[in-house]
C-alpha atoms as a PDB file:
ATOM      1  CA  UNK A   1    -154.356 131.804  91.083  1.00  0.00           C
ATOM      2  CA  UNK A   2    -152.638 134.386  89.951  1.00  0.00           C
ATOM      3  CA  UNK A   3    -149.996 133.052  86.856  1.00  0.00           C
ATOM      4  CA  UNK A   4    -146.978 132.421  87.075  1.00  0.00           C
ATOM      5  CA  UNK A   5    -144.848 132.148  84.260  1.00  0.00           C
ATOM      6  CA  UNK A   6    -142.371 129.169  83.771  1.00  0.00           C
ATOM      7  CA  UNK A   7    -138.151 130.340  84.498  1.00  0.00           C
ATOM      8  CA  UNK A   8    -137.839 128.805  80.745  1.00  0.00           C
ATOM      9  CA  UNK A   9    -139.648 132.279  79.736  1.00  0.00           C
ATOM     10  CA  UNK A  10    -138.052 134.975  81.817  1.00  0.00           C
ATOM     11  CA  UNK A  11    -135.058 136.149  80.007  1.00  0.00           C
ATOM     12  CA  UNK A  12    -131.629 135.930  80.617  1.00  0.00           C
ATOM     13  CA  UNK A  13    -129.819 138.657  82.348  1.00  0.00           C
ATOM     14  CA  UNK A  14    -127.834 140.177  79.561  1.00  0.00           C
ATOM     15  CA  UNK A  15    -123.825 139.146  80.024  1.00  0.00           C
ATOM     16  CA  UNK A  16    -121.899 142.118  81.879  1.00  0.00           C
ATOM     17  CA  UNK A  17    -118.164 143.179  80.981  1.00  0.00           C
ATOM     18  CA  UNK A  18    -115.572 141.731  83.688  1.00  0.00           C
ATOM     19  CA  UNK A  19    -112.215 143.155  84.909  1.00  0.00           C
ATOM     20  CA  UNK A  20    -110.079 140.476  85.972  1.00  0.00           C
ATOM     21  CA  UNK A  21    -106.611 139.912  87.672  1.00  0.00           C
ATOM     22  CA  UNK A  22    -105.025 136.642  87.577  1.00  0.00           C
ATOM     23  CA  UNK A  23    -101.251 135.368  88.687  1.00  0.00           C
ATOM     24  CA  UNK A  24     -99.831 132.787  86.363  1.00  0.00           C
ATOM     25  CA  UNK A  25     -97.145 130.729  86.385  1.00  0.00           C
ATOM     26  CA  UNK A  26     -95.638 128.800  83.232  1.00  0.00           C
ATOM     27  CA  UNK A  27     -93.634 125.858  82.733  1.00  0.00           C
ATOM     28  CA  UNK A  28     -92.185 124.310  79.591  1.00  0.00           C
ATOM     29  CA  UNK A  29     -90.135 124.129  77.225  1.00  0.00           C
ATOM     30  CA  UNK A  30     -89.467 127.317  77.048  1.00  0.00           C
ATOM     31  CA  UNK A  31     -88.429 127.028  80.390  1.00  0.00           C
ATOM     32  CA  UNK A  32     -90.247 128.837  84.020  1.00  0.00           C
ATOM     33  CA  UNK A  33     -91.884 132.161  84.495  1.00  0.00           C
ATOM     34  CA  UNK A  34     -94.603 134.197  86.590  1.00  0.00           C
ATOM     35  CA  UNK A  35     -96.312 137.439  86.414  1.00  0.00           C
ATOM     36  CA  UNK A  36     -99.525 138.602  85.939  1.00  0.00           C
ATOM     37  CA  UNK A  37    -102.471 138.709  83.775  1.00  0.00           C
ATOM     38  CA  UNK A  38    -104.548 140.930  83.486  1.00  0.00           C
ATOM     39  CA  UNK A  39    -108.284 140.706  81.124  1.00  0.00           C
ATOM     40  CA  UNK A  40    -110.973 142.807  80.231  1.00  0.00           C
ATOM     41  CA  UNK A  41    -113.517 140.897  78.506  1.00  0.00           C
ATOM     42  CA  UNK A  42    -117.464 141.572  77.125  1.00  0.00           C
ATOM     43  CA  UNK A  43    -119.017 139.294  75.820  1.00  0.00           C
ATOM     44  CA  UNK A  44    -121.375 140.765  74.301  1.00  0.00           C
ATOM     45  CA  UNK A  45    -119.183 142.336  72.083  1.00  0.00           C
ATOM     46  CA  UNK A  46    -116.682 139.876  71.925  1.00  0.00           C
ATOM     47  CA  UNK A  47    -114.970 142.345  73.088  1.00  0.00           C
ATOM     48  CA  UNK A  48    -110.894 140.976  74.992  1.00  0.00           C
ATOM     49  CA  UNK A  49    -107.813 142.824  75.848  1.00  0.00           C
ATOM     50  CA  UNK A  50    -106.179 140.901  77.915  1.00  0.00           C
ATOM     51  CA  UNK A  51    -102.413 141.494  79.214  1.00  0.00           C
ATOM     52  CA  UNK A  52     -99.827 139.042  80.035  1.00  0.00           C
ATOM     53  CA  UNK A  53     -96.948 140.192  82.549  1.00  0.00           C
ATOM     54  CA  UNK A  54     -94.054 139.157  83.711  1.00  0.00           C
ATOM     55  CA  UNK A  55     -89.987 139.659  83.596  1.00  0.00           C
ATOM     56  CA  UNK A  56     -91.012 143.430  84.436  1.00  0.00           C
ATOM     57  CA  UNK A  57     -92.305 143.357  80.923  1.00  0.00           C
ATOM     58  CA  UNK A  58     -95.481 142.951  78.483  1.00  0.00           C
ATOM     59  CA  UNK A  59     -95.205 139.595  76.954  1.00  0.00           C
ATOM     60  CA  UNK A  60     -98.517 139.235  75.713  1.00  0.00           C
ATOM     61  CA  UNK A  61    -100.993 141.433  74.329  1.00  0.00           C
ATOM     62  CA  UNK A  62    -104.551 140.310  72.446  1.00  0.00           C
ATOM     63  CA  UNK A  63    -106.867 142.944  71.385  1.00  0.00           C
ATOM     64  CA  UNK A  64    -109.803 143.150  69.400  1.00  0.00           C
ATOM     65  CA  UNK A  65    -113.622 142.145  69.463  1.00  0.00           C
ATOM     66  CA  UNK A  66    -116.020 139.572  67.019  1.00  0.00           C
ATOM     67  CA  UNK A  67    -116.840 142.478  64.538  1.00  0.00           C
ATOM     68  CA  UNK A  68    -113.173 144.052  63.628  1.00  0.00           C
ATOM     69  CA  UNK A  69    -111.693 140.226  65.106  1.00  0.00           C
ATOM     70  CA  UNK A  70    -108.420 140.277  67.042  1.00  0.00           C
ATOM     71  CA  UNK A  71    -104.689 141.305  67.368  1.00  0.00           C
ATOM     72  CA  UNK A  72    -101.953 139.409  68.922  1.00  0.00           C
ATOM     73  CA  UNK A  73     -98.535 140.998  69.570  1.00  0.00           C
ATOM     74  CA  UNK A  74     -95.625 138.524  71.327  1.00  0.00           C
ATOM     75  CA  UNK A  75     -92.755 140.675  71.518  1.00  0.00           C
ATOM     76  CA  UNK A  76     -90.448 138.080  72.581  1.00  0.00           C
ATOM     77  CA  UNK A  77     -91.454 135.849  69.808  1.00  0.00           C
ATOM     78  CA  UNK A  78     -91.637 138.898  67.282  1.00  0.00           C
ATOM     79  CA  UNK A  79     -95.391 137.384  67.030  1.00  0.00           C
ATOM     80  CA  UNK A  80     -97.588 139.883  65.112  1.00  0.00           C
ATOM     81  CA  UNK A  81    -101.170 138.251  63.832  1.00  0.00           C
ATOM     82  CA  UNK A  82    -104.170 139.321  63.331  1.00  0.00           C
ATOM     83  CA  UNK A  83    -107.802 137.056  62.785  1.00  0.00           C
ATOM     84  CA  UNK A  84    -111.317 137.292  62.698  1.00  0.00           C
ATOM     85  CA  UNK A  85    -111.447 134.924  65.345  1.00  0.00           C
ATOM     86  CA  UNK A  86    -109.990 134.336  68.604  1.00  0.00           C
ATOM     87  CA  UNK A  87    -110.263 130.159  67.329  1.00  0.00           C
ATOM     88  CA  UNK A  88    -107.614 131.848  64.626  1.00  0.00           C
ATOM     89  CA  UNK A  89    -104.844 132.432  67.121  1.00  0.00           C
ATOM     90  CA  UNK A  90    -102.354 131.038  68.519  1.00  0.00           C
ATOM     91  CA  UNK A  91    -102.195 131.209  72.352  1.00  0.00           C
ATOM     92  CA  UNK A  92     -98.993 130.874  74.292  1.00  0.00           C
ATOM     93  CA  UNK A  93     -98.938 130.844  77.736  1.00  0.00           C
ATOM     94  CA  UNK A  94    -103.070 129.786  77.257  1.00  0.00           C
ATOM     95  CA  UNK A  95    -105.400 127.034  76.849  1.00  0.00           C
ATOM     96  CA  UNK A  96    -107.324 127.743  73.325  1.00  0.00           C
ATOM     97  CA  UNK A  97    -109.725 129.052  73.679  1.00  0.00           C
ATOM     98  CA  UNK A  98    -112.605 129.751  70.539  1.00  0.00           C
ATOM     99  CA  UNK A  99    -114.982 133.216  72.142  1.00  0.00           C
ATOM    100  CA  UNK A 100    -114.788 135.396  74.383  1.00  0.00           C
ATOM    101  CA  UNK A 101    -118.030 133.509  76.082  1.00  0.00           C
ATOM    102  CA  UNK A 102    -115.382 130.252  76.221  1.00  0.00           C
ATOM    103  CA  UNK A 103    -112.375 132.184  77.985  1.00  0.00           C
ATOM    104  CA  UNK A 104    -115.211 133.189  80.507  1.00  0.00           C
ATOM    105  CA  UNK A 105    -116.636 129.573  81.054  1.00  0.00           C
ATOM    106  CA  UNK A 106    -113.132 128.365  81.869  1.00  0.00           C
ATOM    107  CA  UNK A 107    -112.529 131.119  84.279  1.00  0.00           C
ATOM    108  CA  UNK A 108    -116.118 130.844  86.213  1.00  0.00           C
ATOM    109  CA  UNK A 109    -116.322 127.636  86.029  1.00  0.00           C
ATOM    110  CA  UNK A 110    -112.887 125.523  85.116  1.00  0.00           C
ATOM    111  CA  UNK A 111    -114.232 124.516  81.617  1.00  0.00           C
ATOM    112  CA  UNK A 112    -111.836 123.613  78.958  1.00  0.00           C
ATOM    113  CA  UNK A 113    -109.639 121.374  77.491  1.00  0.00           C
ATOM    114  CA  UNK A 114    -107.058 120.252  80.001  1.00  0.00           C
ATOM    115  CA  UNK A 115    -107.923 122.782  82.761  1.00  0.00           C
ATOM    116  CA  UNK A 116    -108.767 121.451  86.592  1.00  0.00           C
ATOM    117  CA  UNK A 117    -109.815 123.562  89.127  1.00  0.00           C
ATOM    118  CA  UNK A 118    -107.102 123.293  92.372  1.00  0.00           C
ATOM    119  CA  UNK A 119    -108.905 125.791  94.730  1.00  0.00           C
ATOM    120  CA  UNK A 120    -112.578 127.252  94.370  1.00  0.00           C
ATOM    121  CA  UNK A 121    -114.893 129.704  96.457  1.00  0.00           C
ATOM    122  CA  UNK A 122    -118.105 131.356  96.556  1.00  0.00           C
ATOM    123  CA  UNK A 123    -117.201 133.233  93.296  1.00  0.00           C
ATOM    124  CA  UNK A 124    -115.908 130.503  91.890  1.00  0.00           C
ATOM    125  CA  UNK A 125    -112.420 128.335  91.158  1.00  0.00           C
ATOM    126  CA  UNK A 126    -109.443 130.680  92.523  1.00  0.00           C
ATOM    127  CA  UNK A 127    -107.227 128.640  91.513  1.00  0.00           C
ATOM    128  CA  UNK A 128    -106.976 126.961  87.625  1.00  0.00           C
ATOM    129  CA  UNK A 129    -104.623 124.711  86.574  1.00  0.00           C
ATOM    130  CA  UNK A 130    -103.776 124.240  82.585  1.00  0.00           C
ATOM    131  CA  UNK A 131    -101.456 121.340  80.777  1.00  0.00           C
ATOM    132  CA  UNK A 132    -101.526 121.224  77.291  1.00  0.00           C
ATOM    133  CA  UNK A 133     -99.050 121.589  74.747  1.00  0.00           C
ATOM    134  CA  UNK A 134     -97.286 123.971  72.690  1.00  0.00           C
ATOM    135  CA  UNK A 135     -97.533 124.603  69.002  1.00  0.00           C
ATOM    136  CA  UNK A 136     -94.486 122.502  68.369  1.00  0.00           C
ATOM    137  CA  UNK A 137     -96.391 119.569  70.495  1.00  0.00           C
ATOM    138  CA  UNK A 138     -94.239 119.578  73.480  1.00  0.00           C
ATOM    139  CA  UNK A 139     -95.864 119.361  76.518  1.00  0.00           C
ATOM    140  CA  UNK A 140     -96.385 123.385  79.051  1.00  0.00           C
ATOM    141  CA  UNK A 141     -98.444 123.848  81.904  1.00  0.00           C
ATOM    142  CA  UNK A 142    -100.198 126.868  82.835  1.00  0.00           C
ATOM    143  CA  UNK A 143    -100.987 127.955  86.933  1.00  0.00           C
ATOM    144  CA  UNK A 144    -103.781 130.371  87.314  1.00  0.00           C
ATOM    145  CA  UNK A 145    -103.705 132.557  90.555  1.00  0.00           C
ATOM    146  CA  UNK A 146    -107.040 134.787  90.859  1.00  0.00           C
ATOM    147  CA  UNK A 147    -106.367 137.994  92.238  1.00  0.00           C
ATOM    148  CA  UNK A 148    -109.485 140.021  92.006  1.00  0.00           C
ATOM    149  CA  UNK A 149    -112.386 139.770  89.694  1.00  0.00           C
ATOM    150  CA  UNK A 150    -114.998 142.459  89.106  1.00  0.00           C
ATOM    151  CA  UNK A 151    -118.087 142.517  87.031  1.00  0.00           C
ATOM    152  CA  UNK A 152    -120.185 145.717  85.771  1.00  0.00           C
ATOM    153  CA  UNK A 153    -123.429 147.242  86.861  1.00  0.00           C
END
């Protein structure tokens, strides 16, 4: 009888870069809005590029990687911050995540504080809802509707 390798001994597949696009809706103390969220996530390096668009302009740009850190730009709020990790940056309009891997878990499985899955398909959560608090402790909500999800080969 041939020897079989137990499943635990098989190396996991390397994490592949993901490009995603979501429609978003926001309701909070600053008002309401809708727009588009574009993401490039590379779990292997921790690279993240996130652009939040609404009202015909870019509302937020978040970019960086695990080696060099991350930069958050929110022009309307005059925010230009740098940090060594994602956990150190306040993410307006988005649930707080500690890493690119945590962001991927949130989007692939709907896992995260205050996150609920409203609609699912074979690829995972199609519509997500997050309810939380802004930095001043006021209630806010975000809805994400997946438009595109592409994993690199």
